[in-house]
PDBML (XML) file of the C-alpha atoms, coordinates in Angstrom:
<?xml version="1.0" encoding="UTF-8" ?>
<PDBx:datablock datablockName="MODEL"
   xmlns:PDBx="http://pdbml.pdb.org/schema/pdbx-v50.xsd"
   xmlns:xsi="http://www.w3.org/2001/XMLSchema-instance"
   xsi:schemaLocation="http://pdbml.pdb.org/schema/pdbx-v50.xsd pdbx-v50.xsd">
   <PDBx:atom_siteCategory>
      <PDBx:atom_site id="1">
         <PDBx:B_iso_or_equiv>0.00</PDBx:B_iso_or_equiv>
         <PDBx:Cartn_x>-53.798</PDBx:Cartn_x>
         <PDBx:Cartn_y>28.407</PDBx:Cartn_y>
         <PDBx:Cartn_z>52.904</PDBx:Cartn_z>
         <PDBx:auth_asym_id>A</PDBx:auth_asym_id>
         <PDBx:auth_atom_id>CA</PDBx:auth_atom_id>
         <PDBx:auth_comp_id>THR</PDBx:auth_comp_id>
         <PDBx:auth_seq_id>1</PDBx:auth_seq_id>
         <PDBx:group_PDB>ATOM</PDBx:group_PDB>
         <PDBx:label_alt_id xsi:nil="true" />
         <PDBx:label_asym_id>A</PDBx:label_asym_id>
         <PDBx:label_atom_id>CA</PDBx:label_atom_id>
         <PDBx:label_comp_id>THR</PDBx:label_comp_id>
         <PDBx:label_entity_id>1</PDBx:label_entity_id>
         <PDBx:label_seq_id>1</PDBx:label_seq_id>
         <PDBx:occupancy>1.00</PDBx:occupancy>
         <PDBx:pdbx_PDB_model_num>1</PDBx:pdbx_PDB_model_num>
         <PDBx:type_symbol>C</PDBx:type_symbol>
      </PDBx:atom_site>
      <PDBx:atom_site id="2">
         <PDBx:B_iso_or_equiv>0.00</PDBx:B_iso_or_equiv>
         <PDBx:Cartn_x>-51.880</PDBx:Cartn_x>
         <PDBx:Cartn_y>25.154</PDBx:Cartn_y>
         <PDBx:Cartn_z>52.462</PDBx:Cartn_z>
         <PDBx:auth_asym_id>A</PDBx:auth_asym_id>
         <PDBx:auth_atom_id>CA</PDBx:auth_atom_id>
         <PDBx:auth_comp_id>ALA</PDBx:auth_comp_id>
         <PDBx:auth_seq_id>2</PDBx:auth_seq_id>
         <PDBx:group_PDB>ATOM</PDBx:group_PDB>
         <PDBx:label_alt_id xsi:nil="true" />
         <PDBx:label_asym_id>A</PDBx:label_asym_id>
         <PDBx:label_atom_id>CA</PDBx:label_atom_id>
         <PDBx:label_comp_id>ALA</PDBx:label_comp_id>
         <PDBx:label_entity_id>1</PDBx:label_entity_id>
         <PDBx:label_seq_id>2</PDBx:label_seq_id>
         <PDBx:occupancy>1.00</PDBx:occupancy>
         <PDBx:pdbx_PDB_model_num>1</PDBx:pdbx_PDB_model_num>
         <PDBx:type_symbol>C</PDBx:type_symbol>
      </PDBx:atom_site>
      <PDBx:atom_site id="3">
         <PDBx:B_iso_or_equiv>0.00</PDBx:B_iso_or_equiv>
         <PDBx:Cartn_x>-48.483</PDBx:Cartn_x>
         <PDBx:Cartn_y>23.564</PDBx:Cartn_y>
         <PDBx:Cartn_z>52.452</PDBx:Cartn_z>
         <PDBx:auth_asym_id>A</PDBx:auth_asym_id>
         <PDBx:auth_atom_id>CA</PDBx:auth_atom_id>
         <PDBx:auth_comp_id>VAL</PDBx:auth_comp_id>
         <PDBx:auth_seq_id>3</PDBx:auth_seq_id>
         <PDBx:group_PDB>ATOM</PDBx:group_PDB>
         <PDBx:label_alt_id xsi:nil="true" />
         <PDBx:label_asym_id>A</PDBx:label_asym_id>
         <PDBx:label_atom_id>CA</PDBx:label_atom_id>
         <PDBx:label_comp_id>VAL</PDBx:label_comp_id>
         <PDBx:label_entity_id>1</PDBx:label_entity_id>
         <PDBx:label_seq_id>3</PDBx:label_seq_id>
         <PDBx:occupancy>1.00</PDBx:occupancy>
         <PDBx:pdbx_PDB_model_num>1</PDBx:pdbx_PDB_model_num>
         <PDBx:type_symbol>C</PDBx:type_symbol>
      </PDBx:atom_site>
      <PDBx:atom_site id="4">
         <PDBx:B_iso_or_equiv>0.00</PDBx:B_iso_or_equiv>
         <PDBx:Cartn_x>-46.899</PDBx:Cartn_x>
         <PDBx:Cartn_y>24.305</PDBx:Cartn_y>
         <PDBx:Cartn_z>49.096</PDBx:Cartn_z>
         <PDBx:auth_asym_id>A</PDBx:auth_asym_id>
         <PDBx:auth_atom_id>CA</PDBx:auth_atom_id>
         <PDBx:auth_comp_id>TYR</PDBx:auth_comp_id>
         <PDBx:auth_seq_id>4</PDBx:auth_seq_id>
         <PDBx:group_PDB>ATOM</PDBx:group_PDB>
         <PDBx:label_alt_id xsi:nil="true" />
         <PDBx:label_asym_id>A</PDBx:label_asym_id>
         <PDBx:label_atom_id>CA</PDBx:label_atom_id>
         <PDBx:label_comp_id>TYR</PDBx:label_comp_id>
         <PDBx:label_entity_id>1</PDBx:label_entity_id>
         <PDBx:label_seq_id>4</PDBx:label_seq_id>
         <PDBx:occupancy>1.00</PDBx:occupancy>
         <PDBx:pdbx_PDB_model_num>1</PDBx:pdbx_PDB_model_num>
         <PDBx:type_symbol>C</PDBx:type_symbol>
      </PDBx:atom_site>
      <PDBx:atom_site id="5">
         <PDBx:B_iso_or_equiv>0.00</PDBx:B_iso_or_equiv>
         <PDBx:Cartn_x>-44.615</PDBx:Cartn_x>
         <PDBx:Cartn_y>21.685</PDBx:Cartn_y>
         <PDBx:Cartn_z>47.586</PDBx:Cartn_z>
         <PDBx:auth_asym_id>A</PDBx:auth_asym_id>
         <PDBx:auth_atom_id>CA</PDBx:auth_atom_id>
         <PDBx:auth_comp_id>TYR</PDBx:auth_comp_id>
         <PDBx:auth_seq_id>5</PDBx:auth_seq_id>
         <PDBx:group_PDB>ATOM</PDBx:group_PDB>
         <PDBx:label_alt_id xsi:nil="true" />
         <PDBx:label_asym_id>A</PDBx:label_asym_id>
         <PDBx:label_atom_id>CA</PDBx:label_atom_id>
         <PDBx:label_comp_id>TYR</PDBx:label_comp_id>
         <PDBx:label_entity_id>1</PDBx:label_entity_id>
         <PDBx:label_seq_id>5</PDBx:label_seq_id>
         <PDBx:occupancy>1.00</PDBx:occupancy>
         <PDBx:pdbx_PDB_model_num>1</PDBx:pdbx_PDB_model_num>
         <PDBx:type_symbol>C</PDBx:type_symbol>
      </PDBx:atom_site>
      <PDBx:atom_site id="6">
         <PDBx:B_iso_or_equiv>0.00</PDBx:B_iso_or_equiv>
         <PDBx:Cartn_x>-42.087</PDBx:Cartn_x>
         <PDBx:Cartn_y>21.942</PDBx:Cartn_y>
         <PDBx:Cartn_z>44.808</PDBx:Cartn_z>
         <PDBx:auth_asym_id>A</PDBx:auth_asym_id>
         <PDBx:auth_atom_id>CA</PDBx:auth_atom_id>
         <PDBx:auth_comp_id>CYS</PDBx:auth_comp_id>
         <PDBx:auth_seq_id>6</PDBx:auth_seq_id>
         <PDBx:group_PDB>ATOM</PDBx:group_PDB>
         <PDBx:label_alt_id xsi:nil="true" />
         <PDBx:label_asym_id>A</PDBx:label_asym_id>
         <PDBx:label_atom_id>CA</PDBx:label_atom_id>
         <PDBx:label_comp_id>CYS</PDBx:label_comp_id>
         <PDBx:label_entity_id>1</PDBx:label_entity_id>
         <PDBx:label_seq_id>6</PDBx:label_seq_id>
         <PDBx:occupancy>1.00</PDBx:occupancy>
         <PDBx:pdbx_PDB_model_num>1</PDBx:pdbx_PDB_model_num>
         <PDBx:type_symbol>C</PDBx:type_symbol>
      </PDBx:atom_site>
      <PDBx:atom_site id="7">
         <PDBx:B_iso_or_equiv>0.00</PDBx:B_iso_or_equiv>
         <PDBx:Cartn_x>-41.964</PDBx:Cartn_x>
         <PDBx:Cartn_y>19.164</PDBx:Cartn_y>
         <PDBx:Cartn_z>42.232</PDBx:Cartn_z>
         <PDBx:auth_asym_id>A</PDBx:auth_asym_id>
         <PDBx:auth_atom_id>CA</PDBx:auth_atom_id>
         <PDBx:auth_comp_id>ASN</PDBx:auth_comp_id>
         <PDBx:auth_seq_id>7</PDBx:auth_seq_id>
         <PDBx:group_PDB>ATOM</PDBx:group_PDB>
         <PDBx:label_alt_id xsi:nil="true" />
         <PDBx:label_asym_id>A</PDBx:label_asym_id>
         <PDBx:label_atom_id>CA</PDBx:label_atom_id>
         <PDBx:label_comp_id>ASN</PDBx:label_comp_id>
         <PDBx:label_entity_id>1</PDBx:label_entity_id>
         <PDBx:label_seq_id>7</PDBx:label_seq_id>
         <PDBx:occupancy>1.00</PDBx:occupancy>
         <PDBx:pdbx_PDB_model_num>1</PDBx:pdbx_PDB_model_num>
         <PDBx:type_symbol>C</PDBx:type_symbol>
      </PDBx:atom_site>
      <PDBx:atom_site id="8">
         <PDBx:B_iso_or_equiv>0.00</PDBx:B_iso_or_equiv>
         <PDBx:Cartn_x>-39.404</PDBx:Cartn_x>
         <PDBx:Cartn_y>18.456</PDBx:Cartn_y>
         <PDBx:Cartn_z>39.551</PDBx:Cartn_z>
         <PDBx:auth_asym_id>A</PDBx:auth_asym_id>
         <PDBx:auth_atom_id>CA</PDBx:auth_atom_id>
         <PDBx:auth_comp_id>ALA</PDBx:auth_comp_id>
         <PDBx:auth_seq_id>8</PDBx:auth_seq_id>
         <PDBx:group_PDB>ATOM</PDBx:group_PDB>
         <PDBx:label_alt_id xsi:nil="true" />
         <PDBx:label_asym_id>A</PDBx:label_asym_id>
         <PDBx:label_atom_id>CA</PDBx:label_atom_id>
         <PDBx:label_comp_id>ALA</PDBx:label_comp_id>
         <PDBx:label_entity_id>1</PDBx:label_entity_id>
         <PDBx:label_seq_id>8</PDBx:label_seq_id>
         <PDBx:occupancy>1.00</PDBx:occupancy>
         <PDBx:pdbx_PDB_model_num>1</PDBx:pdbx_PDB_model_num>
         <PDBx:type_symbol>C</PDBx:type_symbol>
      </PDBx:atom_site>
      <PDBx:atom_site id="9">
         <PDBx:B_iso_or_equiv>0.00</PDBx:B_iso_or_equiv>
         <PDBx:Cartn_x>-39.023</PDBx:Cartn_x>
         <PDBx:Cartn_y>15.860</PDBx:Cartn_y>
         <PDBx:Cartn_z>36.857</PDBx:Cartn_z>
         <PDBx:auth_asym_id>A</PDBx:auth_asym_id>
         <PDBx:auth_atom_id>CA</PDBx:auth_atom_id>
         <PDBx:auth_comp_id>GLN</PDBx:auth_comp_id>
         <PDBx:auth_seq_id>9</PDBx:auth_seq_id>
         <PDBx:group_PDB>ATOM</PDBx:group_PDB>
         <PDBx:label_alt_id xsi:nil="true" />
         <PDBx:label_asym_id>A</PDBx:label_asym_id>
         <PDBx:label_atom_id>CA</PDBx:label_atom_id>
         <PDBx:label_comp_id>GLN</PDBx:label_comp_id>
         <PDBx:label_entity_id>1</PDBx:label_entity_id>
         <PDBx:label_seq_id>9</PDBx:label_seq_id>
         <PDBx:occupancy>1.00</PDBx:occupancy>
         <PDBx:pdbx_PDB_model_num>1</PDBx:pdbx_PDB_model_num>
         <PDBx:type_symbol>C</PDBx:type_symbol>
      </PDBx:atom_site>
      <PDBx:atom_site id="10">
         <PDBx:B_iso_or_equiv>0.00</PDBx:B_iso_or_equiv>
         <PDBx:Cartn_x>-35.546</PDBx:Cartn_x>
         <PDBx:Cartn_y>14.635</PDBx:Cartn_y>
         <PDBx:Cartn_z>36.107</PDBx:Cartn_z>
         <PDBx:auth_asym_id>A</PDBx:auth_asym_id>
         <PDBx:auth_atom_id>CA</PDBx:auth_atom_id>
         <PDBx:auth_comp_id>GLY</PDBx:auth_comp_id>
         <PDBx:auth_seq_id>10</PDBx:auth_seq_id>
         <PDBx:group_PDB>ATOM</PDBx:group_PDB>
         <PDBx:label_alt_id xsi:nil="true" />
         <PDBx:label_asym_id>A</PDBx:label_asym_id>
         <PDBx:label_atom_id>CA</PDBx:label_atom_id>
         <PDBx:label_comp_id>GLY</PDBx:label_comp_id>
         <PDBx:label_entity_id>1</PDBx:label_entity_id>
         <PDBx:label_seq_id>10</PDBx:label_seq_id>
         <PDBx:occupancy>1.00</PDBx:occupancy>
         <PDBx:pdbx_PDB_model_num>1</PDBx:pdbx_PDB_model_num>
         <PDBx:type_symbol>C</PDBx:type_symbol>
      </PDBx:atom_site>
      <PDBx:atom_site id="11">
         <PDBx:B_iso_or_equiv>0.00</PDBx:B_iso_or_equiv>
         <PDBx:Cartn_x>-33.645</PDBx:Cartn_x>
         <PDBx:Cartn_y>12.155</PDBx:Cartn_y>
         <PDBx:Cartn_z>34.002</PDBx:Cartn_z>
         <PDBx:auth_asym_id>A</PDBx:auth_asym_id>
         <PDBx:auth_atom_id>CA</PDBx:auth_atom_id>
         <PDBx:auth_comp_id>ARG</PDBx:auth_comp_id>
         <PDBx:auth_seq_id>11</PDBx:auth_seq_id>
         <PDBx:group_PDB>ATOM</PDBx:group_PDB>
         <PDBx:label_alt_id xsi:nil="true" />
         <PDBx:label_asym_id>A</PDBx:label_asym_id>
         <PDBx:label_atom_id>CA</PDBx:label_atom_id>
         <PDBx:label_comp_id>ARG</PDBx:label_comp_id>
         <PDBx:label_entity_id>1</PDBx:label_entity_id>
         <PDBx:label_seq_id>11</PDBx:label_seq_id>
         <PDBx:occupancy>1.00</PDBx:occupancy>
         <PDBx:pdbx_PDB_model_num>1</PDBx:pdbx_PDB_model_num>
         <PDBx:type_symbol>C</PDBx:type_symbol>
      </PDBx:atom_site>
      <PDBx:atom_site id="12">
         <PDBx:B_iso_or_equiv>0.00</PDBx:B_iso_or_equiv>
         <PDBx:Cartn_x>-30.323</PDBx:Cartn_x>
         <PDBx:Cartn_y>10.643</PDBx:Cartn_y>
         <PDBx:Cartn_z>35.024</PDBx:Cartn_z>
         <PDBx:auth_asym_id>A</PDBx:auth_asym_id>
         <PDBx:auth_atom_id>CA</PDBx:auth_atom_id>
         <PDBx:auth_comp_id>LEU</PDBx:auth_comp_id>
         <PDBx:auth_seq_id>12</PDBx:auth_seq_id>
         <PDBx:group_PDB>ATOM</PDBx:group_PDB>
         <PDBx:label_alt_id xsi:nil="true" />
         <PDBx:label_asym_id>A</PDBx:label_asym_id>
         <PDBx:label_atom_id>CA</PDBx:label_atom_id>
         <PDBx:label_comp_id>LEU</PDBx:label_comp_id>
         <PDBx:label_entity_id>1</PDBx:label_entity_id>
         <PDBx:label_seq_id>12</PDBx:label_seq_id>
         <PDBx:occupancy>1.00</PDBx:occupancy>
         <PDBx:pdbx_PDB_model_num>1</PDBx:pdbx_PDB_model_num>
         <PDBx:type_symbol>C</PDBx:type_symbol>
      </PDBx:atom_site>
      <PDBx:atom_site id="13">
         <PDBx:B_iso_or_equiv>0.00</PDBx:B_iso_or_equiv>
         <PDBx:Cartn_x>-27.684</PDBx:Cartn_x>
         <PDBx:Cartn_y>11.835</PDBx:Cartn_y>
         <PDBx:Cartn_z>32.570</PDBx:Cartn_z>
         <PDBx:auth_asym_id>A</PDBx:auth_asym_id>
         <PDBx:auth_atom_id>CA</PDBx:auth_atom_id>
         <PDBx:auth_comp_id>TYR</PDBx:auth_comp_id>
         <PDBx:auth_seq_id>13</PDBx:auth_seq_id>
         <PDBx:group_PDB>ATOM</PDBx:group_PDB>
         <PDBx:label_alt_id xsi:nil="true" />
         <PDBx:label_asym_id>A</PDBx:label_asym_id>
         <PDBx:label_atom_id>CA</PDBx:label_atom_id>
         <PDBx:label_comp_id>TYR</PDBx:label_comp_id>
         <PDBx:label_entity_id>1</PDBx:label_entity_id>
         <PDBx:label_seq_id>13</PDBx:label_seq_id>
         <PDBx:occupancy>1.00</PDBx:occupancy>
         <PDBx:pdbx_PDB_model_num>1</PDBx:pdbx_PDB_model_num>
         <PDBx:type_symbol>C</PDBx:type_symbol>
      </PDBx:atom_site>
      <PDBx:atom_site id="14">
         <PDBx:B_iso_or_equiv>0.00</PDBx:B_iso_or_equiv>
         <PDBx:Cartn_x>-30.587</PDBx:Cartn_x>
         <PDBx:Cartn_y>13.088</PDBx:Cartn_y>
         <PDBx:Cartn_z>30.454</PDBx:Cartn_z>
         <PDBx:auth_asym_id>A</PDBx:auth_asym_id>
         <PDBx:auth_atom_id>CA</PDBx:auth_atom_id>
         <PDBx:auth_comp_id>ASP</PDBx:auth_comp_id>
         <PDBx:auth_seq_id>14</PDBx:auth_seq_id>
         <PDBx:group_PDB>ATOM</PDBx:group_PDB>
         <PDBx:label_alt_id xsi:nil="true" />
         <PDBx:label_asym_id>A</PDBx:label_asym_id>
         <PDBx:label_atom_id>CA</PDBx:label_atom_id>
         <PDBx:label_comp_id>ASP</PDBx:label_comp_id>
         <PDBx:label_entity_id>1</PDBx:label_entity_id>
         <PDBx:label_seq_id>14</PDBx:label_seq_id>
         <PDBx:occupancy>1.00</PDBx:occupancy>
         <PDBx:pdbx_PDB_model_num>1</PDBx:pdbx_PDB_model_num>
         <PDBx:type_symbol>C</PDBx:type_symbol>
      </PDBx:atom_site>
      <PDBx:atom_site id="15">
         <PDBx:B_iso_or_equiv>0.00</PDBx:B_iso_or_equiv>
         <PDBx:Cartn_x>-31.589</PDBx:Cartn_x>
         <PDBx:Cartn_y>9.479</PDBx:Cartn_y>
         <PDBx:Cartn_z>29.795</PDBx:Cartn_z>
         <PDBx:auth_asym_id>A</PDBx:auth_asym_id>
         <PDBx:auth_atom_id>CA</PDBx:auth_atom_id>
         <PDBx:auth_comp_id>THR</PDBx:auth_comp_id>
         <PDBx:auth_seq_id>15</PDBx:auth_seq_id>
         <PDBx:group_PDB>ATOM</PDBx:group_PDB>
         <PDBx:label_alt_id xsi:nil="true" />
         <PDBx:label_asym_id>A</PDBx:label_asym_id>
         <PDBx:label_atom_id>CA</PDBx:label_atom_id>
         <PDBx:label_comp_id>THR</PDBx:label_comp_id>
         <PDBx:label_entity_id>1</PDBx:label_entity_id>
         <PDBx:label_seq_id>15</PDBx:label_seq_id>
         <PDBx:occupancy>1.00</PDBx:occupancy>
         <PDBx:pdbx_PDB_model_num>1</PDBx:pdbx_PDB_model_num>
         <PDBx:type_symbol>C</PDBx:type_symbol>
      </PDBx:atom_site>
      <PDBx:atom_site id="16">
         <PDBx:B_iso_or_equiv>0.00</PDBx:B_iso_or_equiv>
         <PDBx:Cartn_x>-35.001</PDBx:Cartn_x>
         <PDBx:Cartn_y>7.798</PDBx:Cartn_y>
         <PDBx:Cartn_z>30.354</PDBx:Cartn_z>
         <PDBx:auth_asym_id>A</PDBx:auth_asym_id>
         <PDBx:auth_atom_id>CA</PDBx:auth_atom_id>
         <PDBx:auth_comp_id>PRO</PDBx:auth_comp_id>
         <PDBx:auth_seq_id>16</PDBx:auth_seq_id>
         <PDBx:group_PDB>ATOM</PDBx:group_PDB>
         <PDBx:label_alt_id xsi:nil="true" />
         <PDBx:label_asym_id>A</PDBx:label_asym_id>
         <PDBx:label_atom_id>CA</PDBx:label_atom_id>
         <PDBx:label_comp_id>PRO</PDBx:label_comp_id>
         <PDBx:label_entity_id>1</PDBx:label_entity_id>
         <PDBx:label_seq_id>16</PDBx:label_seq_id>
         <PDBx:occupancy>1.00</PDBx:occupancy>
         <PDBx:pdbx_PDB_model_num>1</PDBx:pdbx_PDB_model_num>
         <PDBx:type_symbol>C</PDBx:type_symbol>
      </PDBx:atom_site>
      <PDBx:atom_site id="17">
         <PDBx:B_iso_or_equiv>0.00</PDBx:B_iso_or_equiv>
         <PDBx:Cartn_x>-36.830</PDBx:Cartn_x>
         <PDBx:Cartn_y>7.000</PDBx:Cartn_y>
         <PDBx:Cartn_z>32.561</PDBx:Cartn_z>
         <PDBx:auth_asym_id>A</PDBx:auth_asym_id>
         <PDBx:auth_atom_id>CA</PDBx:auth_atom_id>
         <PDBx:auth_comp_id>PRO</PDBx:auth_comp_id>
         <PDBx:auth_seq_id>17</PDBx:auth_seq_id>
         <PDBx:group_PDB>ATOM</PDBx:group_PDB>
         <PDBx:label_alt_id xsi:nil="true" />
         <PDBx:label_asym_id>A</PDBx:label_asym_id>
         <PDBx:label_atom_id>CA</PDBx:label_atom_id>
         <PDBx:label_comp_id>PRO</PDBx:label_comp_id>
         <PDBx:label_entity_id>1</PDBx:label_entity_id>
         <PDBx:label_seq_id>17</PDBx:label_seq_id>
         <PDBx:occupancy>1.00</PDBx:occupancy>
         <PDBx:pdbx_PDB_model_num>1</PDBx:pdbx_PDB_model_num>
         <PDBx:type_symbol>C</PDBx:type_symbol>
      </PDBx:atom_site>
      <PDBx:atom_site id="18">
         <PDBx:B_iso_or_equiv>0.00</PDBx:B_iso_or_equiv>
         <PDBx:Cartn_x>-38.081</PDBx:Cartn_x>
         <PDBx:Cartn_y>10.313</PDBx:Cartn_y>
         <PDBx:Cartn_z>33.922</PDBx:Cartn_z>
         <PDBx:auth_asym_id>A</PDBx:auth_asym_id>
         <PDBx:auth_atom_id>CA</PDBx:auth_atom_id>
         <PDBx:auth_comp_id>THR</PDBx:auth_comp_id>
         <PDBx:auth_seq_id>18</PDBx:auth_seq_id>
         <PDBx:group_PDB>ATOM</PDBx:group_PDB>
         <PDBx:label_alt_id xsi:nil="true" />
         <PDBx:label_asym_id>A</PDBx:label_asym_id>
         <PDBx:label_atom_id>CA</PDBx:label_atom_id>
         <PDBx:label_comp_id>THR</PDBx:label_comp_id>
         <PDBx:label_entity_id>1</PDBx:label_entity_id>
         <PDBx:label_seq_id>18</PDBx:label_seq_id>
         <PDBx:occupancy>1.00</PDBx:occupancy>
         <PDBx:pdbx_PDB_model_num>1</PDBx:pdbx_PDB_model_num>
         <PDBx:type_symbol>C</PDBx:type_symbol>
      </PDBx:atom_site>
      <PDBx:atom_site id="19">
         <PDBx:B_iso_or_equiv>0.00</PDBx:B_iso_or_equiv>
         <PDBx:Cartn_x>-38.464</PDBx:Cartn_x>
         <PDBx:Cartn_y>10.468</PDBx:Cartn_y>
         <PDBx:Cartn_z>37.715</PDBx:Cartn_z>
         <PDBx:auth_asym_id>A</PDBx:auth_asym_id>
         <PDBx:auth_atom_id>CA</PDBx:auth_atom_id>
         <PDBx:auth_comp_id>ARG</PDBx:auth_comp_id>
         <PDBx:auth_seq_id>19</PDBx:auth_seq_id>
         <PDBx:group_PDB>ATOM</PDBx:group_PDB>
         <PDBx:label_alt_id xsi:nil="true" />
         <PDBx:label_asym_id>A</PDBx:label_asym_id>
         <PDBx:label_atom_id>CA</PDBx:label_atom_id>
         <PDBx:label_comp_id>ARG</PDBx:label_comp_id>
         <PDBx:label_entity_id>1</PDBx:label_entity_id>
         <PDBx:label_seq_id>19</PDBx:label_seq_id>
         <PDBx:occupancy>1.00</PDBx:occupancy>
         <PDBx:pdbx_PDB_model_num>1</PDBx:pdbx_PDB_model_num>
         <PDBx:type_symbol>C</PDBx:type_symbol>
      </PDBx:atom_site>
      <PDBx:atom_site id="20">
         <PDBx:B_iso_or_equiv>0.00</PDBx:B_iso_or_equiv>
         <PDBx:Cartn_x>-40.400</PDBx:Cartn_x>
         <PDBx:Cartn_y>12.772</PDBx:Cartn_y>
         <PDBx:Cartn_z>40.048</PDBx:Cartn_z>
         <PDBx:auth_asym_id>A</PDBx:auth_asym_id>
         <PDBx:auth_atom_id>CA</PDBx:auth_atom_id>
         <PDBx:auth_comp_id>ASP</PDBx:auth_comp_id>
         <PDBx:auth_seq_id>20</PDBx:auth_seq_id>
         <PDBx:group_PDB>ATOM</PDBx:group_PDB>
         <PDBx:label_alt_id xsi:nil="true" />
         <PDBx:label_asym_id>A</PDBx:label_asym_id>
         <PDBx:label_atom_id>CA</PDBx:label_atom_id>
         <PDBx:label_comp_id>ASP</PDBx:label_comp_id>
         <PDBx:label_entity_id>1</PDBx:label_entity_id>
         <PDBx:label_seq_id>20</PDBx:label_seq_id>
         <PDBx:occupancy>1.00</PDBx:occupancy>
         <PDBx:pdbx_PDB_model_num>1</PDBx:pdbx_PDB_model_num>
         <PDBx:type_symbol>C</PDBx:type_symbol>
      </PDBx:atom_site>
      <PDBx:atom_site id="21">
         <PDBx:B_iso_or_equiv>0.00</PDBx:B_iso_or_equiv>
         <PDBx:Cartn_x>-38.775</PDBx:Cartn_x>
         <PDBx:Cartn_y>14.568</PDBx:Cartn_y>
         <PDBx:Cartn_z>42.978</PDBx:Cartn_z>
         <PDBx:auth_asym_id>A</PDBx:auth_asym_id>
         <PDBx:auth_atom_id>CA</PDBx:auth_atom_id>
         <PDBx:auth_comp_id>PHE</PDBx:auth_comp_id>
         <PDBx:auth_seq_id>21</PDBx:auth_seq_id>
         <PDBx:group_PDB>ATOM</PDBx:group_PDB>
         <PDBx:label_alt_id xsi:nil="true" />
         <PDBx:label_asym_id>A</PDBx:label_asym_id>
         <PDBx:label_atom_id>CA</PDBx:label_atom_id>
         <PDBx:label_comp_id>PHE</PDBx:label_comp_id>
         <PDBx:label_entity_id>1</PDBx:label_entity_id>
         <PDBx:label_seq_id>21</PDBx:label_seq_id>
         <PDBx:occupancy>1.00</PDBx:occupancy>
         <PDBx:pdbx_PDB_model_num>1</PDBx:pdbx_PDB_model_num>
         <PDBx:type_symbol>C</PDBx:type_symbol>
      </PDBx:atom_site>
      <PDBx:atom_site id="22">
         <PDBx:B_iso_or_equiv>0.00</PDBx:B_iso_or_equiv>
         <PDBx:Cartn_x>-40.445</PDBx:Cartn_x>
         <PDBx:Cartn_y>16.475</PDBx:Cartn_y>
         <PDBx:Cartn_z>45.816</PDBx:Cartn_z>
         <PDBx:auth_asym_id>A</PDBx:auth_asym_id>
         <PDBx:auth_atom_id>CA</PDBx:auth_atom_id>
         <PDBx:auth_comp_id>TRP</PDBx:auth_comp_id>
         <PDBx:auth_seq_id>22</PDBx:auth_seq_id>
         <PDBx:group_PDB>ATOM</PDBx:group_PDB>
         <PDBx:label_alt_id xsi:nil="true" />
         <PDBx:label_asym_id>A</PDBx:label_asym_id>
         <PDBx:label_atom_id>CA</PDBx:label_atom_id>
         <PDBx:label_comp_id>TRP</PDBx:label_comp_id>
         <PDBx:label_entity_id>1</PDBx:label_entity_id>
         <PDBx:label_seq_id>22</PDBx:label_seq_id>
         <PDBx:occupancy>1.00</PDBx:occupancy>
         <PDBx:pdbx_PDB_model_num>1</PDBx:pdbx_PDB_model_num>
         <PDBx:type_symbol>C</PDBx:type_symbol>
      </PDBx:atom_site>
      <PDBx:atom_site id="23">
         <PDBx:B_iso_or_equiv>0.00</PDBx:B_iso_or_equiv>
         <PDBx:Cartn_x>-39.466</PDBx:Cartn_x>
         <PDBx:Cartn_y>19.112</PDBx:Cartn_y>
         <PDBx:Cartn_z>48.318</PDBx:Cartn_z>
         <PDBx:auth_asym_id>A</PDBx:auth_asym_id>
         <PDBx:auth_atom_id>CA</PDBx:auth_atom_id>
         <PDBx:auth_comp_id>GLY</PDBx:auth_comp_id>
         <PDBx:auth_seq_id>23</PDBx:auth_seq_id>
         <PDBx:group_PDB>ATOM</PDBx:group_PDB>
         <PDBx:label_alt_id xsi:nil="true" />
         <PDBx:label_asym_id>A</PDBx:label_asym_id>
         <PDBx:label_atom_id>CA</PDBx:label_atom_id>
         <PDBx:label_comp_id>GLY</PDBx:label_comp_id>
         <PDBx:label_entity_id>1</PDBx:label_entity_id>
         <PDBx:label_seq_id>23</PDBx:label_seq_id>
         <PDBx:occupancy>1.00</PDBx:occupancy>
         <PDBx:pdbx_PDB_model_num>1</PDBx:pdbx_PDB_model_num>
         <PDBx:type_symbol>C</PDBx:type_symbol>
      </PDBx:atom_site>
      <PDBx:atom_site id="24">
         <PDBx:B_iso_or_equiv>0.00</PDBx:B_iso_or_equiv>
         <PDBx:Cartn_x>-40.547</PDBx:Cartn_x>
         <PDBx:Cartn_y>19.014</PDBx:Cartn_y>
         <PDBx:Cartn_z>51.959</PDBx:Cartn_z>
         <PDBx:auth_asym_id>A</PDBx:auth_asym_id>
         <PDBx:auth_atom_id>CA</PDBx:auth_atom_id>
         <PDBx:auth_comp_id>GLN</PDBx:auth_comp_id>
         <PDBx:auth_seq_id>24</PDBx:auth_seq_id>
         <PDBx:group_PDB>ATOM</PDBx:group_PDB>
         <PDBx:label_alt_id xsi:nil="true" />
         <PDBx:label_asym_id>A</PDBx:label_asym_id>
         <PDBx:label_atom_id>CA</PDBx:label_atom_id>
         <PDBx:label_comp_id>GLN</PDBx:label_comp_id>
         <PDBx:label_entity_id>1</PDBx:label_entity_id>
         <PDBx:label_seq_id>24</PDBx:label_seq_id>
         <PDBx:occupancy>1.00</PDBx:occupancy>
         <PDBx:pdbx_PDB_model_num>1</PDBx:pdbx_PDB_model_num>
         <PDBx:type_symbol>C</PDBx:type_symbol>
      </PDBx:atom_site>
   </PDBx:atom_siteCategory>
</PDBx:datablock>
């Protein structure tokens, strides 16, 4: 039992740096 969150790593135009993004 918990709140489950989605996480994704992304790069703008496939160029560094890599950033983290989170769902609600």
